[in-house]
Amino acid sequence: MPAIDLTQGPQTLSRFDVLGQLADGEKHFIKHVGLLDTDTTQSIEAGGNVSAVHMKPPLEQEGDFKVDVAGNVPLNSDEIKIISTWIEKIIDELPKNKRKQYIIRPPWKDECDVNTGVRRYRRYSCVGFVLDSHQQVQIELLKVEESALPDTSKKTLMSVYFDSDSNSESDLRRHQDLLLKWGLEGNGPWKVVLPGFVLNALNRPTDQIRRMPYKAKEGDEKF
């Protein structure tokens, strides 16, 4: 199915379909994405709580997720098995400290042993986790190179990551150390892969989604 706003009516969803959540008080602004984590198909209404695997942080499996929009690339049984096995591996690798699991820019990043160079675990944003899950079955949903991304303003970033845009200057100062750890230096704008980009990437014919990654444009934070 193409991506769909569930306020248009209930939609039947399947395991590892992409779920989107709207920012509070915003009609179209997507603040969070995850994967439906259930073996059975479900008819889901807008605002319903479903079981999901998603990077909150921490990475949650069978966590509650209030879903407002959804989309998918139809997956066959082999692809579902591959993604399921990969999720278990990722969960097993991640450190207990939830802040160390997370990154915003880039959408994922390997943390390696300083002595051997061997990867210890991979950090993710919620978007990065969804994108990497699909890459396990050779589906590249979105171009993530910074040269292919639109600018993200300070106001937009605060709406996504801190549920606030009214005191963005003070919030940025207060969270500066954390933002630096998550890859956001300075005062912006930044090249960030936003949750809404994924829903817009999925709002295409299936053959096109599998054939070529989507190039996000300004305004795609909304769906």
N, C-alpha and C. Protein backbone atom coordinates (compact mmCIF):
# COMPACT_ATOMS: atom_id res chain seq x y z
N MET A 1 0.84 -1.19 0.00
CA MET A 1 0.00 0.00 0.00
C MET A 1 0.88 1.24 0.00
N PRO A 2 0.41 2.33 -0.56
CA PRO A 2 1.14 3.58 -0.35
C PRO A 2 0.97 4.01 1.11
N ALA A 3 1.78 4.94 1.53
CA ALA A 3 1.60 5.47 2.89
C ALA A 3 0.23 6.12 2.98
N ILE A 4 -0.37 6.04 4.17
CA ILE A 4 -1.74 6.53 4.32
C ILE A 4 -1.94 7.16 5.69
N ASP A 5 -2.70 8.24 5.71
CA ASP A 5 -3.13 8.88 6.95
C ASP A 5 -4.32 8.06 7.46
N LEU A 6 -4.19 7.47 8.63
CA LEU A 6 -5.22 6.56 9.13
C LEU A 6 -6.51 7.27 9.53
N THR A 7 -6.50 8.60 9.59
CA THR A 7 -7.76 9.31 9.83
C THR A 7 -8.72 9.13 8.66
N GLN A 8 -8.21 8.66 7.52
CA GLN A 8 -9.07 8.39 6.36
C GLN A 8 -9.85 7.08 6.54
N GLY A 9 -9.51 6.32 7.56
CA GLY A 9 -10.20 5.07 7.84
C GLY A 9 -9.23 4.01 8.31
N PRO A 10 -9.73 2.96 9.00
CA PRO A 10 -8.86 1.88 9.48
C PRO A 10 -8.10 1.23 8.33
N GLN A 11 -6.92 0.74 8.63
CA GLN A 11 -6.07 0.11 7.62
C GLN A 11 -5.55 -1.21 8.16
N THR A 12 -5.55 -2.25 7.35
CA THR A 12 -4.98 -3.53 7.76
C THR A 12 -3.47 -3.49 7.57
N LEU A 13 -2.75 -3.74 8.65
CA LEU A 13 -1.29 -3.68 8.64
C LEU A 13 -0.70 -5.03 8.99
N SER A 14 0.55 -5.25 8.55
CA SER A 14 1.24 -6.51 8.76
C SER A 14 2.58 -6.27 9.43
N ARG A 15 3.21 -7.36 9.84
CA ARG A 15 4.48 -7.26 10.56
C ARG A 15 5.52 -6.47 9.78
N PHE A 16 6.17 -5.55 10.49
CA PHE A 16 7.23 -4.69 9.99
C PHE A 16 6.74 -3.63 9.01
N ASP A 17 5.44 -3.41 8.91
CA ASP A 17 4.96 -2.20 8.25
C ASP A 17 5.47 -1.00 9.04
N VAL A 18 5.68 0.10 8.36
CA VAL A 18 6.21 1.31 9.00
C VAL A 18 5.07 2.11 9.63
N LEU A 19 5.25 2.49 10.89
CA LEU A 19 4.28 3.27 11.65
C LEU A 19 4.79 4.69 11.83
N GLY A 20 3.90 5.66 11.74
CA GLY A 20 4.27 7.05 11.98
C GLY A 20 3.39 7.69 13.04
N GLN A 21 3.97 8.60 13.79
CA GLN A 21 3.27 9.27 14.88
C GLN A 21 3.36 10.78 14.67
N LEU A 22 2.21 11.45 14.80
CA LEU A 22 2.17 12.89 14.62
C LEU A 22 2.64 13.62 15.87
N ALA A 23 3.26 14.77 15.67
CA ALA A 23 3.59 15.65 16.79
C ALA A 23 2.31 16.18 17.41
N ASP A 24 2.32 16.37 18.72
CA ASP A 24 1.14 16.87 19.41
C ASP A 24 0.72 18.23 18.85
N GLY A 25 -0.56 18.34 18.53
CA GLY A 25 -1.09 19.61 18.05
C GLY A 25 -0.77 19.91 16.61
N GLU A 26 -0.13 18.97 15.93
CA GLU A 26 0.22 19.17 14.53
C GLU A 26 -0.56 18.18 13.66
N LYS A 27 -1.18 18.66 12.61
CA LYS A 27 -2.02 17.79 11.80
C LYS A 27 -1.23 16.86 10.90
N HIS A 28 -0.09 17.30 10.40
CA HIS A 28 0.63 16.50 9.41
C HIS A 28 2.10 16.27 9.75
N PHE A 29 2.60 16.84 10.82
CA PHE A 29 4.03 16.78 11.14
C PHE A 29 4.36 15.44 11.81
N ILE A 30 5.22 14.64 11.19
CA ILE A 30 5.58 13.32 11.72
C ILE A 30 6.80 13.47 12.64
N LYS A 31 6.64 13.02 13.89
CA LYS A 31 7.74 13.17 14.85
C LYS A 31 8.46 11.86 15.17
N HIS A 32 7.86 10.70 14.80
CA HIS A 32 8.45 9.44 15.22
C HIS A 32 7.99 8.32 14.28
N VAL A 33 8.88 7.35 14.04
CA VAL A 33 8.54 6.18 13.22
C VAL A 33 9.06 4.91 13.88
N GLY A 34 8.41 3.80 13.56
CA GLY A 34 8.81 2.49 14.04
C GLY A 34 8.25 1.42 13.15
N LEU A 35 8.38 0.15 13.57
CA LEU A 35 7.90 -0.99 12.81
C LEU A 35 6.85 -1.75 13.61
N LEU A 36 5.75 -2.11 12.96
CA LEU A 36 4.73 -2.93 13.61
C LEU A 36 5.35 -4.27 14.01
N ASP A 37 5.15 -4.65 15.26
CA ASP A 37 5.82 -5.83 15.81
C ASP A 37 4.77 -6.87 16.22
N THR A 38 4.12 -7.47 15.23
CA THR A 38 3.14 -8.50 15.51
C THR A 38 3.10 -9.47 14.35
N ASP A 39 2.85 -10.72 14.63
CA ASP A 39 2.83 -11.75 13.58
C ASP A 39 1.52 -11.81 12.81
N THR A 40 0.49 -11.17 13.33
CA THR A 40 -0.83 -11.24 12.69
C THR A 40 -1.18 -9.90 12.07
N THR A 41 -1.94 -9.94 10.98
CA THR A 41 -2.43 -8.69 10.40
C THR A 41 -3.47 -8.08 11.33
N GLN A 42 -3.50 -6.76 11.38
CA GLN A 42 -4.41 -6.05 12.27
C GLN A 42 -5.06 -4.89 11.53
N SER A 43 -6.34 -4.67 11.82
CA SER A 43 -7.03 -3.47 11.33
C SER A 43 -6.84 -2.39 12.38
N ILE A 44 -6.17 -1.31 11.99
CA ILE A 44 -5.74 -0.30 12.96
C ILE A 44 -6.33 1.05 12.60
N GLU A 45 -6.85 1.74 13.62
CA GLU A 45 -7.41 3.08 13.45
C GLU A 45 -6.41 4.13 13.88
N ALA A 46 -6.59 5.34 13.40
CA ALA A 46 -5.74 6.46 13.80
C ALA A 46 -5.82 6.66 15.30
N GLY A 47 -4.66 6.86 15.92
CA GLY A 47 -4.62 7.07 17.37
C GLY A 47 -4.60 5.80 18.18
N GLY A 48 -4.67 4.65 17.50
CA GLY A 48 -4.65 3.38 18.22
C GLY A 48 -3.26 3.03 18.70
N ASN A 49 -3.19 2.29 19.81
CA ASN A 49 -1.90 1.82 20.33
C ASN A 49 -1.62 0.42 19.81
N VAL A 50 -0.44 0.23 19.25
CA VAL A 50 -0.05 -1.06 18.70
C VAL A 50 1.30 -1.46 19.27
N SER A 51 1.64 -2.73 19.09
CA SER A 51 2.95 -3.23 19.49
C SER A 51 3.96 -2.91 18.40
N ALA A 52 5.07 -2.31 18.79
CA ALA A 52 6.06 -1.87 17.80
C ALA A 52 7.47 -2.10 18.30
N VAL A 53 8.39 -2.23 17.36
CA VAL A 53 9.81 -2.16 17.66
C VAL A 53 10.29 -0.84 17.11
N HIS A 54 10.89 -0.02 17.99
CA HIS A 54 11.26 1.34 17.58
C HIS A 54 12.32 1.89 18.51
N MET A 55 13.13 2.80 17.95
CA MET A 55 14.16 3.48 18.73
C MET A 55 13.55 4.69 19.40
N LYS A 56 13.37 4.59 20.70
CA LYS A 56 12.67 5.65 21.44
C LYS A 56 13.56 6.81 21.83
N PRO A 57 14.76 6.76 22.36
CA PRO A 57 15.46 5.59 22.86
C PRO A 57 15.01 5.22 24.28
N PRO A 58 15.29 3.99 24.78
CA PRO A 58 16.09 2.95 24.13
C PRO A 58 15.33 2.26 23.02
N LEU A 59 15.98 1.31 22.33
CA LEU A 59 15.29 0.50 21.35
C LEU A 59 14.32 -0.41 22.09
N GLU A 60 13.05 -0.30 21.75
CA GLU A 60 12.01 -1.08 22.40
C GLU A 60 11.46 -2.14 21.45
N GLN A 61 11.27 -3.34 21.96
CA GLN A 61 10.59 -4.39 21.22
C GLN A 61 9.27 -4.67 21.94
N GLU A 62 8.19 -4.79 21.17
CA GLU A 62 6.84 -4.95 21.72
C GLU A 62 6.47 -3.76 22.61
N GLY A 63 6.97 -2.59 22.26
CA GLY A 63 6.61 -1.37 22.99
C GLY A 63 5.33 -0.76 22.45
N ASP A 64 4.64 0.01 23.29
CA ASP A 64 3.42 0.69 22.86
C ASP A 64 3.75 1.82 21.90
N PHE A 65 2.96 1.94 20.85
CA PHE A 65 3.19 2.96 19.83
C PHE A 65 1.83 3.49 19.39
N LYS A 66 1.61 4.78 19.57
CA LYS A 66 0.38 5.42 19.11
C LYS A 66 0.57 5.76 17.63
N VAL A 67 -0.19 5.11 16.76
CA VAL A 67 0.03 5.23 15.32
C VAL A 67 -1.01 6.14 14.69
N ASP A 68 -0.54 7.05 13.84
CA ASP A 68 -1.42 7.97 13.12
C ASP A 68 -1.36 7.78 11.61
N VAL A 69 -0.20 7.38 11.11
CA VAL A 69 -0.03 7.14 9.68
C VAL A 69 0.79 5.86 9.52
N ALA A 70 0.73 5.25 8.35
CA ALA A 70 1.48 4.01 8.13
C ALA A 70 1.76 3.83 6.65
N GLY A 71 2.71 2.97 6.36
CA GLY A 71 3.03 2.64 4.98
C GLY A 71 3.89 1.38 4.96
N ASN A 72 4.08 0.83 3.77
CA ASN A 72 4.91 -0.36 3.71
C ASN A 72 5.48 -0.61 2.32
N VAL A 73 6.48 -1.47 2.30
CA VAL A 73 6.88 -2.19 1.11
C VAL A 73 6.46 -3.62 1.40
N PRO A 74 5.57 -4.22 0.62
CA PRO A 74 5.16 -5.60 0.92
C PRO A 74 6.38 -6.52 1.03
N LEU A 75 6.48 -7.23 2.16
CA LEU A 75 7.61 -8.11 2.43
C LEU A 75 7.17 -9.56 2.31
N ASN A 76 8.02 -10.40 1.73
CA ASN A 76 7.71 -11.82 1.70
C ASN A 76 8.19 -12.49 3.00
N SER A 77 7.88 -13.75 3.18
CA SER A 77 8.18 -14.43 4.44
C SER A 77 9.68 -14.51 4.71
N ASP A 78 10.48 -14.70 3.65
CA ASP A 78 11.93 -14.74 3.84
C ASP A 78 12.46 -13.39 4.31
N GLU A 79 11.95 -12.30 3.74
CA GLU A 79 12.39 -10.96 4.14
C GLU A 79 12.00 -10.67 5.58
N ILE A 80 10.82 -11.11 5.99
CA ILE A 80 10.39 -10.91 7.38
C ILE A 80 11.32 -11.67 8.34
N LYS A 81 11.71 -12.88 7.97
CA LYS A 81 12.62 -13.66 8.81
C LYS A 81 13.97 -12.98 8.93
N ILE A 82 14.46 -12.45 7.81
CA ILE A 82 15.76 -11.77 7.82
C ILE A 82 15.73 -10.55 8.74
N ILE A 83 14.69 -9.74 8.62
CA ILE A 83 14.58 -8.54 9.47
C ILE A 83 14.43 -8.92 10.93
N SER A 84 13.65 -9.96 11.20
CA SER A 84 13.44 -10.41 12.58
C SER A 84 14.76 -10.86 13.22
N THR A 85 15.54 -11.63 12.48
CA THR A 85 16.84 -12.09 12.98
C THR A 85 17.78 -10.92 13.21
N TRP A 86 17.77 -9.97 12.30
CA TRP A 86 18.61 -8.78 12.42
C TRP A 86 18.23 -7.96 13.66
N ILE A 87 16.94 -7.80 13.93
CA ILE A 87 16.49 -7.03 15.10
C ILE A 87 17.02 -7.68 16.38
N GLU A 88 16.93 -8.99 16.48
CA GLU A 88 17.43 -9.67 17.68
C GLU A 88 18.93 -9.43 17.86
N LYS A 89 19.66 -9.44 16.75
CA LYS A 89 21.10 -9.20 16.82
C LYS A 89 21.40 -7.78 17.29
N ILE A 90 20.66 -6.81 16.74
CA ILE A 90 20.87 -5.41 17.11
C ILE A 90 20.56 -5.19 18.59
N ILE A 91 19.46 -5.76 19.05
CA ILE A 91 19.07 -5.62 20.46
C ILE A 91 20.13 -6.23 21.37
N ASP A 92 20.67 -7.37 20.97
CA ASP A 92 21.69 -8.04 21.78
C ASP A 92 22.98 -7.23 21.86
N GLU A 93 23.28 -6.46 20.81
CA GLU A 93 24.52 -5.68 20.77
C GLU A 93 24.45 -4.39 21.57
N LEU A 94 23.29 -3.77 21.65
CA LEU A 94 23.18 -2.41 22.18
C LEU A 94 23.55 -2.32 23.65
N PRO A 95 24.19 -1.22 24.05
CA PRO A 95 24.50 -1.02 25.47
C PRO A 95 23.23 -0.70 26.26
N LYS A 96 23.31 -0.84 27.58
CA LYS A 96 22.15 -0.57 28.43
C LYS A 96 21.83 0.92 28.49
N ASN A 97 22.87 1.75 28.42
CA ASN A 97 22.67 3.20 28.48
C ASN A 97 21.92 3.68 27.24
N LYS A 98 20.69 4.16 27.43
CA LYS A 98 19.86 4.49 26.29
C LYS A 98 20.42 5.65 25.48
N ARG A 99 21.11 6.59 26.12
CA ARG A 99 21.66 7.72 25.38
C ARG A 99 22.78 7.29 24.44
N LYS A 100 23.49 6.23 24.81
CA LYS A 100 24.55 5.71 23.95
C LYS A 100 23.99 4.95 22.76
N GLN A 101 22.71 4.56 22.82
CA GLN A 101 22.08 3.85 21.70
C GLN A 101 21.67 4.80 20.58
N TYR A 102 21.61 6.09 20.89
CA TYR A 102 20.90 7.04 20.04
C TYR A 102 21.85 7.98 19.31
N ILE A 103 21.44 8.38 18.11
CA ILE A 103 22.13 9.43 17.37
C ILE A 103 21.12 10.06 16.42
N ILE A 104 21.31 11.32 16.11
CA ILE A 104 20.42 12.01 15.18
C ILE A 104 21.11 12.21 13.83
N ARG A 105 22.33 12.64 13.85
CA ARG A 105 23.06 12.95 12.62
C ARG A 105 24.45 12.33 12.69
N PRO A 106 24.75 11.35 11.86
CA PRO A 106 23.93 10.73 10.82
C PRO A 106 22.84 9.85 11.44
N PRO A 107 21.94 9.27 10.62
CA PRO A 107 20.84 8.50 11.18
C PRO A 107 21.28 7.17 11.80
N TRP A 108 22.47 6.70 11.48
CA TRP A 108 23.06 5.57 12.20
C TRP A 108 24.57 5.70 12.14
N LYS A 109 25.21 5.10 13.15
CA LYS A 109 26.67 5.20 13.22
C LYS A 109 27.21 4.01 14.01
N ASP A 110 28.24 3.37 13.46
CA ASP A 110 28.87 2.25 14.16
C ASP A 110 29.81 2.75 15.25
N GLU A 111 29.73 2.12 16.43
CA GLU A 111 30.69 2.34 17.50
C GLU A 111 31.61 1.14 17.53
N CYS A 112 32.91 1.39 17.38
CA CYS A 112 33.88 0.32 17.23
C CYS A 112 34.85 0.26 18.40
N ASP A 113 35.41 -0.89 18.63
CA ASP A 113 36.44 -1.07 19.66
C ASP A 113 37.67 -0.24 19.27
N VAL A 114 38.16 0.54 20.21
CA VAL A 114 39.27 1.46 19.90
C VAL A 114 40.55 0.71 19.58
N ASN A 115 40.69 -0.52 20.08
CA ASN A 115 41.92 -1.29 19.86
C ASN A 115 41.87 -2.15 18.60
N THR A 116 40.74 -2.78 18.37
CA THR A 116 40.64 -3.73 17.26
C THR A 116 39.93 -3.16 16.04
N GLY A 117 39.15 -2.10 16.23
CA GLY A 117 38.37 -1.55 15.13
C GLY A 117 37.13 -2.34 14.81
N VAL A 118 36.84 -3.39 15.59
CA VAL A 118 35.66 -4.23 15.37
C VAL A 118 34.41 -3.52 15.89
N ARG A 119 33.35 -3.57 15.13
CA ARG A 119 32.10 -2.93 15.54
C ARG A 119 31.56 -3.58 16.80
N ARG A 120 31.22 -2.74 17.78
CA ARG A 120 30.61 -3.23 19.02
C ARG A 120 29.08 -3.14 18.92
N TYR A 121 28.59 -2.03 18.38
CA TYR A 121 27.14 -1.86 18.21
C TYR A 121 26.91 -0.70 17.26
N ARG A 122 25.68 -0.52 16.82
CA ARG A 122 25.31 0.56 15.93
C ARG A 122 24.27 1.45 16.62
N ARG A 123 24.52 2.75 16.62
CA ARG A 123 23.58 3.73 17.17
C ARG A 123 22.60 4.15 16.08
N TYR A 124 21.37 4.50 16.53
CA TYR A 124 20.32 4.85 15.58
C TYR A 124 19.47 6.03 16.05
N SER A 125 18.93 6.76 15.08
CA SER A 125 17.73 7.56 15.31
C SER A 125 16.55 6.64 15.02
N CYS A 126 15.32 7.09 15.32
CA CYS A 126 14.16 6.24 14.99
C CYS A 126 14.09 6.00 13.49
N VAL A 127 14.45 7.01 12.71
CA VAL A 127 14.43 6.89 11.25
C VAL A 127 15.53 5.94 10.78
N GLY A 128 16.71 6.09 11.34
CA GLY A 128 17.82 5.25 10.94
C GLY A 128 17.54 3.77 11.16
N PHE A 129 16.87 3.46 12.28
CA PHE A 129 16.53 2.07 12.57
C PHE A 129 15.58 1.51 11.51
N VAL A 130 14.56 2.27 11.13
CA VAL A 130 13.62 1.83 10.11
C VAL A 130 14.32 1.66 8.76
N LEU A 131 15.15 2.61 8.40
CA LEU A 131 15.85 2.53 7.11
C LEU A 131 16.80 1.34 7.06
N ASP A 132 17.54 1.12 8.15
CA ASP A 132 18.51 0.03 8.17
C ASP A 132 17.81 -1.33 8.16
N SER A 133 16.63 -1.41 8.78
CA SER A 133 15.88 -2.67 8.75
C SER A 133 15.56 -3.07 7.31
N HIS A 134 15.19 -2.11 6.50
CA HIS A 134 14.86 -2.40 5.11
C HIS A 134 16.11 -2.69 4.28
N GLN A 135 17.22 -2.08 4.65
CA GLN A 135 18.46 -2.37 3.91
C GLN A 135 18.90 -3.82 4.09
N GLN A 136 18.47 -4.46 5.16
CA GLN A 136 18.82 -5.87 5.37
C GLN A 136 18.24 -6.76 4.27
N VAL A 137 17.20 -6.29 3.60
CA VAL A 137 16.59 -7.05 2.50
C VAL A 137 16.71 -6.28 1.18
N GLN A 138 17.80 -5.49 1.10
CA GLN A 138 18.16 -4.77 -0.13
C GLN A 138 17.10 -3.79 -0.60
N ILE A 139 16.43 -3.15 0.36
CA ILE A 139 15.50 -2.07 0.03
C ILE A 139 16.06 -0.77 0.61
N GLU A 140 16.51 0.10 -0.28
CA GLU A 140 17.04 1.40 0.15
C GLU A 140 15.92 2.43 -0.03
N LEU A 141 15.27 2.77 1.07
CA LEU A 141 14.10 3.64 1.00
C LEU A 141 14.44 5.08 0.66
N LEU A 142 15.57 5.56 1.16
CA LEU A 142 15.82 7.00 1.16
C LEU A 142 17.30 7.29 0.96
N LYS A 143 17.59 8.34 0.21
CA LYS A 143 18.97 8.83 0.12
C LYS A 143 19.31 9.55 1.42
N VAL A 144 20.36 9.09 2.10
CA VAL A 144 20.70 9.67 3.40
C VAL A 144 21.98 10.50 3.37
N GLU A 145 22.64 10.57 2.23
CA GLU A 145 23.84 11.41 2.15
C GLU A 145 23.44 12.87 2.38
N GLU A 146 24.23 13.59 3.13
CA GLU A 146 23.87 14.97 3.47
C GLU A 146 23.69 15.83 2.23
N SER A 147 24.43 15.53 1.17
CA SER A 147 24.30 16.30 -0.06
C SER A 147 22.91 16.14 -0.68
N ALA A 148 22.18 15.08 -0.30
CA ALA A 148 20.86 14.81 -0.86
C ALA A 148 19.73 15.26 0.05
N LEU A 149 20.05 15.86 1.21
CA LEU A 149 19.04 16.21 2.20
C LEU A 149 18.76 17.71 2.22
N PRO A 150 17.51 18.10 2.46
CA PRO A 150 17.20 19.52 2.67
C PRO A 150 17.67 19.97 4.05
N ASP A 151 17.77 21.26 4.26
CA ASP A 151 18.14 21.79 5.57
C ASP A 151 17.00 21.60 6.57
N THR A 152 17.38 21.34 7.81
CA THR A 152 16.41 21.27 8.90
C THR A 152 16.67 22.44 9.84
N SER A 153 15.68 23.26 10.04
CA SER A 153 15.83 24.45 10.88
C SER A 153 15.81 24.08 12.36
N LYS A 154 16.24 25.02 13.17
CA LYS A 154 16.21 24.85 14.62
C LYS A 154 14.79 24.61 15.12
N LYS A 155 13.83 25.35 14.60
CA LYS A 155 12.44 25.21 15.03
C LYS A 155 11.91 23.82 14.69
N THR A 156 12.21 23.34 13.49
CA THR A 156 11.74 22.01 13.10
C THR A 156 12.36 20.94 13.96
N LEU A 157 13.65 21.04 14.22
CA LEU A 157 14.33 20.04 15.03
C LEU A 157 13.75 19.98 16.44
N MET A 158 13.45 21.12 17.03
CA MET A 158 12.89 21.13 18.37
C MET A 158 11.51 20.48 18.39
N SER A 159 10.75 20.66 17.33
CA SER A 159 9.42 20.05 17.25
C SER A 159 9.51 18.53 17.22
N VAL A 160 10.54 18.01 16.56
CA VAL A 160 10.69 16.55 16.45
C VAL A 160 11.24 15.96 17.74
N TYR A 161 12.33 16.54 18.25
CA TYR A 161 13.07 15.86 19.30
C TYR A 161 12.77 16.32 20.72
N PHE A 162 12.16 17.48 20.86
CA PHE A 162 11.90 17.97 22.22
C PHE A 162 10.45 18.38 22.44
N ASP A 163 9.57 18.09 21.47
CA ASP A 163 8.14 18.44 21.60
C ASP A 163 7.95 19.90 21.97
N SER A 164 8.82 20.75 21.48
CA SER A 164 8.73 22.17 21.84
C SER A 164 9.34 23.02 20.75
N ASP A 165 8.68 24.13 20.43
CA ASP A 165 9.32 25.12 19.57
C ASP A 165 9.16 26.52 20.13
N SER A 166 8.53 26.63 21.30
CA SER A 166 8.27 27.94 21.87
C SER A 166 9.49 28.51 22.58
N ASN A 167 10.37 27.64 23.10
CA ASN A 167 11.56 28.11 23.80
C ASN A 167 12.80 27.43 23.23
N SER A 168 12.89 27.41 21.92
CA SER A 168 13.93 26.62 21.29
C SER A 168 15.34 27.09 21.65
N GLU A 169 15.56 28.39 21.79
CA GLU A 169 16.89 28.88 22.13
C GLU A 169 17.34 28.35 23.48
N SER A 170 16.49 28.48 24.49
CA SER A 170 16.86 28.01 25.82
C SER A 170 16.96 26.49 25.85
N ASP A 171 16.09 25.81 25.13
CA ASP A 171 16.15 24.35 25.08
C ASP A 171 17.45 23.88 24.44
N LEU A 172 17.85 24.53 23.36
CA LEU A 172 19.09 24.14 22.71
C LEU A 172 20.29 24.35 23.62
N ARG A 173 20.32 25.45 24.36
CA ARG A 173 21.43 25.70 25.29
C ARG A 173 21.45 24.63 26.38
N ARG A 174 20.28 24.31 26.91
CA ARG A 174 20.18 23.35 28.00
C ARG A 174 20.61 21.95 27.55
N HIS A 175 20.32 21.62 26.30
CA HIS A 175 20.60 20.28 25.80
C HIS A 175 21.85 20.23 24.92
N GLN A 176 22.69 21.27 24.97
CA GLN A 176 23.78 21.38 24.01
C GLN A 176 24.73 20.18 24.06
N ASP A 177 25.10 19.73 25.26
CA ASP A 177 26.03 18.60 25.36
C ASP A 177 25.42 17.34 24.76
N LEU A 178 24.13 17.13 25.03
CA LEU A 178 23.45 15.96 24.50
C LEU A 178 23.35 16.04 22.98
N LEU A 179 23.02 17.22 22.48
CA LEU A 179 22.92 17.39 21.03
C LEU A 179 24.25 17.12 20.34
N LEU A 180 25.35 17.54 20.98
CA LEU A 180 26.67 17.27 20.41
C LEU A 180 26.93 15.77 20.32
N LYS A 181 26.54 15.03 21.37
CA LYS A 181 26.72 13.58 21.36
C LYS A 181 25.89 12.94 20.26
N TRP A 182 24.80 13.59 19.91
CA TRP A 182 23.90 13.06 18.89
C TRP A 182 24.21 13.62 17.50
N GLY A 183 25.33 14.34 17.36
CA GLY A 183 25.80 14.75 16.05
C GLY A 183 25.37 16.11 15.58
N LEU A 184 24.85 16.93 16.49
CA LEU A 184 24.34 18.25 16.09
C LEU A 184 25.21 19.35 16.70
N GLU A 185 26.13 19.86 15.88
CA GLU A 185 27.01 20.93 16.31
C GLU A 185 26.43 22.28 15.90
N GLY A 186 26.73 23.30 16.68
CA GLY A 186 26.32 24.65 16.32
C GLY A 186 24.84 24.89 16.49
N ASN A 187 24.33 25.88 15.78
CA ASN A 187 22.95 26.31 15.93
C ASN A 187 22.07 26.01 14.71
N GLY A 188 22.59 25.21 13.79
CA GLY A 188 21.79 24.86 12.62
C GLY A 188 21.81 25.96 11.57
N PRO A 189 21.13 25.72 10.45
CA PRO A 189 20.37 24.50 10.13
C PRO A 189 21.28 23.30 9.93
N TRP A 190 20.66 22.10 10.02
CA TRP A 190 21.38 20.85 9.88
C TRP A 190 20.80 20.01 8.75
N LYS A 191 21.60 19.07 8.29
CA LYS A 191 21.13 18.06 7.34
C LYS A 191 20.76 16.82 8.15
N VAL A 192 19.47 16.65 8.40
CA VAL A 192 18.97 15.59 9.27
C VAL A 192 17.92 14.77 8.54
N VAL A 193 17.96 13.46 8.70
CA VAL A 193 16.93 12.59 8.13
C VAL A 193 15.75 12.57 9.09
N LEU A 194 14.65 13.18 8.71
CA LEU A 194 13.49 13.34 9.57
C LEU A 194 12.47 12.21 9.37
N PRO A 195 11.66 11.92 10.40
CA PRO A 195 10.68 10.83 10.30
C PRO A 195 9.72 10.95 9.12
N GLY A 196 9.29 12.17 8.82
CA GLY A 196 8.35 12.34 7.72
C GLY A 196 8.90 11.93 6.37
N PHE A 197 10.24 11.98 6.23
CA PHE A 197 10.86 11.59 4.96
C PHE A 197 10.52 10.14 4.61
N VAL A 198 10.45 9.29 5.64
CA VAL A 198 10.20 7.86 5.41
C VAL A 198 8.80 7.64 4.85
N LEU A 199 7.81 8.34 5.43
CA LEU A 199 6.43 8.16 4.94
C LEU A 199 6.30 8.66 3.51
N ASN A 200 6.96 9.76 3.18
CA ASN A 200 6.92 10.25 1.80
C ASN A 200 7.66 9.29 0.86
N ALA A 201 8.73 8.66 1.34
CA ALA A 201 9.44 7.67 0.53
C ALA A 201 8.55 6.46 0.22
N LEU A 202 7.67 6.12 1.18
CA LEU A 202 6.79 4.97 1.00
C LEU A 202 5.54 5.30 0.20
N ASN A 203 5.30 6.56 -0.05
CA ASN A 203 4.10 6.97 -0.78
C ASN A 203 4.36 6.94 -2.30
N ARG A 204 4.83 5.77 -2.75
CA ARG A 204 5.16 5.55 -4.15
C ARG A 204 4.78 4.12 -4.53
N PRO A 205 4.70 3.80 -5.82
CA PRO A 205 4.45 2.41 -6.22
C PRO A 205 5.55 1.49 -5.71
N THR A 206 5.17 0.26 -5.36
CA THR A 206 6.11 -0.69 -4.77
C THR A 206 7.33 -0.92 -5.66
N ASP A 207 7.14 -1.07 -6.96
CA ASP A 207 8.28 -1.34 -7.84
C ASP A 207 9.26 -0.17 -7.83
N GLN A 208 8.73 1.04 -7.72
CA GLN A 208 9.60 2.22 -7.66
C GLN A 208 10.37 2.28 -6.35
N ILE A 209 9.70 1.94 -5.24
CA ILE A 209 10.36 1.93 -3.93
C ILE A 209 11.52 0.96 -3.94
N ARG A 210 11.30 -0.23 -4.52
CA ARG A 210 12.35 -1.24 -4.53
C ARG A 210 13.46 -0.91 -5.54
N ARG A 211 13.15 -0.10 -6.52
CA ARG A 211 14.12 0.18 -7.58
C ARG A 211 15.04 1.35 -7.25
N MET A 212 14.52 2.36 -6.57
CA MET A 212 15.34 3.55 -6.33
C MET A 212 14.98 4.23 -5.03
N PRO A 213 15.99 4.74 -4.31
CA PRO A 213 15.71 5.47 -3.07
C PRO A 213 15.08 6.83 -3.35
N TYR A 214 14.29 7.30 -2.40
CA TYR A 214 13.61 8.59 -2.51
C TYR A 214 14.56 9.71 -2.11
N LYS A 215 14.48 10.82 -2.78
CA LYS A 215 15.26 12.02 -2.42
C LYS A 215 14.33 13.01 -1.73
N ALA A 216 14.55 13.19 -0.45
CA ALA A 216 13.69 14.08 0.34
C ALA A 216 13.83 15.52 -0.12
N LYS A 217 12.73 16.25 0.03
CA LYS A 217 12.74 17.67 -0.33
C LYS A 217 12.15 18.49 0.82
N GLU A 218 12.33 19.79 0.73
CA GLU A 218 11.80 20.68 1.77
C GLU A 218 10.29 20.47 1.90
N GLY A 219 9.83 20.34 3.13
CA GLY A 219 8.41 20.12 3.38
C GLY A 219 8.07 18.67 3.65
N ASP A 220 9.00 17.74 3.40
CA ASP A 220 8.71 16.32 3.58
C ASP A 220 8.71 15.88 5.04
N GLU A 221 8.99 16.81 5.96
CA GLU A 221 8.79 16.48 7.37
C GLU A 221 7.31 16.27 7.68
N LYS A 222 6.46 16.75 6.78
CA LYS A 222 5.01 16.58 6.92
C LYS A 222 4.51 15.53 5.94
N PHE A 223 3.41 14.86 6.35
CA PHE A 223 2.80 13.89 5.47
C PHE A 223 1.28 13.99 5.61
